[in-house]
Amino acid sequence: MKKNLLTAGSVGFLVGIGVGLFAVEPPLLDAVIIYIVSLLRYGVVFSLVGLFLGWNVAKRNQEKKNGTYRKGHYIGVFVATFTIVMVVAVLAWL
């Protein structure tokens, strides 16, 4: 599970950096630090999303293996995590 979370977090971070490259306007020379921080914001937010998805998939696979899988079991956790990530993204955008 640890390896799965590390992979999911890394992929989420890289996807976030990729999205940030397209979403953030390239700066002039004096605003390079602001540009880097903006890209890292996207990376961190998408990393959290990737960690959540990796955790959810690993937990689901483990429960299927044990025979205790219940569909829709983590929907409350997903909604709470998604809401927190969106609030952080909006605050980072401001």
C-alpha atoms as a PDB file:
ATOM      1  CA  MET A   1       0.000   0.000   0.000  1.00  0.00           C
ATOM      2  CA  LYS A   2       2.882   2.343   0.760  1.00  0.00           C
ATOM      3  CA  LYS A   3       4.316   1.912  -2.740  1.00  0.00           C
ATOM      4  CA  ASN A   4       0.884   2.478  -4.276  1.00  0.00           C
ATOM      5  CA  LEU A   5       0.458   5.749  -2.350  1.00  0.00           C
ATOM      6  CA  LEU A   6       3.926   6.951  -3.302  1.00  0.00           C
ATOM      7  CA  THR A   7       3.226   6.248  -6.962  1.00  0.00           C
ATOM      8  CA  ALA A   8      -0.207   7.885  -6.856  1.00  0.00           C
ATOM      9  CA  GLY A   9       1.129  10.981  -5.082  1.00  0.00           C
ATOM     10  CA  SER A  10       4.007  11.333  -7.526  1.00  0.00           C
ATOM     11  CA  VAL A  11       1.760  10.939 -10.553  1.00  0.00           C
ATOM     12  CA  GLY A  12      -0.687  13.459  -9.079  1.00  0.00           C
ATOM     13  CA  PHE A  13       2.135  15.938  -8.493  1.00  0.00           C
ATOM     14  CA  LEU A  14       3.410  15.587 -12.059  1.00  0.00           C
ATOM     15  CA  VAL A  15      -0.099  15.945 -13.486  1.00  0.00           C
ATOM     16  CA  GLY A  16      -0.566  19.059 -11.343  1.00  0.00           C
ATOM     17  CA  ILE A  17       2.655  20.575 -12.653  1.00  0.00           C
ATOM     18  CA  GLY A  18       1.507  19.785 -16.195  1.00  0.00           C
ATOM     19  CA  VAL A  19      -1.864  21.427 -15.616  1.00  0.00           C
ATOM     20  CA  GLY A  20      -0.111  24.392 -14.033  1.00  0.00           C
ATOM     21  CA  LEU A  21       2.085  24.849 -17.076  1.00  0.00           C
ATOM     22  CA  PHE A  22      -1.013  25.286 -19.209  1.00  0.00           C
ATOM     23  CA  ALA A  23      -3.093  27.229 -16.670  1.00  0.00           C
ATOM     24  CA  VAL A  24      -0.537  29.766 -15.405  1.00  0.00           C
ATOM     25  CA  GLU A  25       0.634  32.495 -17.718  1.00  0.00           C
ATOM     26  CA  PRO A  26       4.438  32.602 -18.136  1.00  0.00           C
ATOM     27  CA  PRO A  27       5.915  35.577 -16.274  1.00  0.00           C
ATOM     28  CA  LEU A  28       8.317  38.338 -17.059  1.00  0.00           C
ATOM     29  CA  LEU A  29      11.813  37.981 -15.639  1.00  0.00           C
ATOM     30  CA  ASP A  30      11.003  39.690 -12.337  1.00  0.00           C
ATOM     31  CA  ALA A  31       8.120  37.330 -11.459  1.00  0.00           C
ATOM     32  CA  VAL A  32       9.833  33.955 -11.843  1.00  0.00           C
ATOM     33  CA  ILE A  33       9.422  33.066  -8.155  1.00  0.00           C
ATOM     34  CA  ILE A  34       5.688  33.780  -8.300  1.00  0.00           C
ATOM     35  CA  TYR A  35       5.448  31.526 -11.365  1.00  0.00           C
ATOM     36  CA  ILE A  36       7.281  28.681  -9.619  1.00  0.00           C
ATOM     37  CA  VAL A  37       5.077  28.998  -6.524  1.00  0.00           C
ATOM     38  CA  SER A  38       1.952  28.943  -8.703  1.00  0.00           C
ATOM     39  CA  LEU A  39       3.129  25.752 -10.404  1.00  0.00           C
ATOM     40  CA  LEU A  40       3.894  24.159  -7.042  1.00  0.00           C
ATOM     41  CA  ARG A  41       0.388  25.021  -5.817  1.00  0.00           C
ATOM     42  CA  TYR A  42      -1.086  23.002  -8.647  1.00  0.00           C
ATOM     43  CA  GLY A  43       1.365  20.198  -7.941  1.00  0.00           C
ATOM     44  CA  VAL A  44       0.445  20.015  -4.262  1.00  0.00           C
ATOM     45  CA  VAL A  45      -3.310  20.087  -4.879  1.00  0.00           C
ATOM     46  CA  PHE A  46      -3.122  17.363  -7.513  1.00  0.00           C
ATOM     47  CA  SER A  47      -0.755  15.381  -5.307  1.00  0.00           C
ATOM     48  CA  LEU A  48      -3.402  15.335  -2.573  1.00  0.00           C
ATOM     49  CA  VAL A  49      -5.996  14.192  -5.094  1.00  0.00           C
ATOM     50  CA  GLY A  50      -3.597  11.478  -6.315  1.00  0.00           C
ATOM     51  CA  LEU A  51      -2.912  10.321  -2.760  1.00  0.00           C
ATOM     52  CA  PHE A  52      -6.612  10.065  -2.043  1.00  0.00           C
ATOM     53  CA  LEU A  53      -7.291   8.111  -5.215  1.00  0.00           C
ATOM     54  CA  GLY A  54      -4.321   5.810  -4.564  1.00  0.00           C
ATOM     55  CA  TRP A  55      -5.471   5.196  -1.003  1.00  0.00           C
ATOM     56  CA  ASN A  56      -9.013   4.498  -2.166  1.00  0.00           C
ATOM     57  CA  VAL A  57      -7.886   2.030  -4.841  1.00  0.00           C
ATOM     58  CA  ALA A  58      -5.492   0.228  -2.476  1.00  0.00           C
ATOM     59  CA  LYS A  59      -8.125   0.001   0.244  1.00  0.00           C
ATOM     60  CA  ARG A  60     -10.721  -1.274  -2.230  1.00  0.00           C
ATOM     61  CA  ASN A  61      -8.339  -3.932  -3.565  1.00  0.00           C
ATOM     62  CA  GLN A  62      -7.520  -5.046  -0.035  1.00  0.00           C
ATOM     63  CA  GLU A  63     -11.190  -5.278   0.883  1.00  0.00           C
ATOM     64  CA  LYS A  64     -12.011  -7.237  -2.276  1.00  0.00           C
ATOM     65  CA  LYS A  65      -9.236  -9.659  -1.389  1.00  0.00           C
ATOM     66  CA  ASN A  66     -10.585 -10.041   2.165  1.00  0.00           C
ATOM     67  CA  GLY A  67     -14.201 -10.250   1.016  1.00  0.00           C
ATOM     68  CA  THR A  68     -15.357  -7.184   2.984  1.00  0.00           C
ATOM     69  CA  TYR A  69     -15.840  -4.795   0.055  1.00  0.00           C
ATOM     70  CA  ARG A  70     -18.936  -2.554   0.159  1.00  0.00           C
ATOM     71  CA  LYS A  71     -19.642  -0.364  -2.833  1.00  0.00           C
ATOM     72  CA  GLY A  72     -19.944   3.349  -1.980  1.00  0.00           C
ATOM     73  CA  HIS A  73     -18.253   2.886   1.374  1.00  0.00           C
ATOM     74  CA  TYR A  74     -15.830   5.794   0.936  1.00  0.00           C
ATOM     75  CA  ILE A  75     -18.132   8.321  -0.714  1.00  0.00           C
ATOM     76  CA  GLY A  76     -18.294  10.456   2.449  1.00  0.00           C
ATOM     77  CA  VAL A  77     -14.522  10.576   2.708  1.00  0.00           C
ATOM     78  CA  PHE A  78     -14.270  11.429  -0.976  1.00  0.00           C
ATOM     79  CA  VAL A  79     -16.741  14.308  -0.684  1.00  0.00           C
ATOM     80  CA  ALA A  80     -14.971  15.713   2.379  1.00  0.00           C
ATOM     81  CA  THR A  81     -11.520  15.433   0.797  1.00  0.00           C
ATOM     82  CA  PHE A  82     -12.712  16.889  -2.494  1.00  0.00           C
ATOM     83  CA  THR A  83     -14.302  19.834  -0.682  1.00  0.00           C
ATOM     84  CA  ILE A  84     -11.133  20.525   1.305  1.00  0.00           C
ATOM     85  CA  VAL A  85      -8.970  20.322  -1.814  1.00  0.00           C
ATOM     86  CA  MET A  86     -11.271  22.695  -3.694  1.00  0.00           C
ATOM     87  CA  VAL A  87     -11.245  25.203  -0.811  1.00  0.00           C
ATOM     88  CA  VAL A  88      -7.444  25.075  -0.714  1.00  0.00           C
ATOM     89  CA  ALA A  89      -7.292  25.507  -4.496  1.00  0.00           C
ATOM     90  CA  VAL A  90      -9.589  28.534  -4.366  1.00  0.00           C
ATOM     91  CA  LEU A  91      -7.589  30.078  -1.534  1.00  0.00           C
ATOM     92  CA  ALA A  92      -4.358  29.414  -3.427  1.00  0.00           C
ATOM     93  CA  TRP A  93      -5.869  31.009  -6.522  1.00  0.00           C
ATOM     94  CA  LEU A  94      -6.567  34.238  -4.605  1.00  0.00           C
END
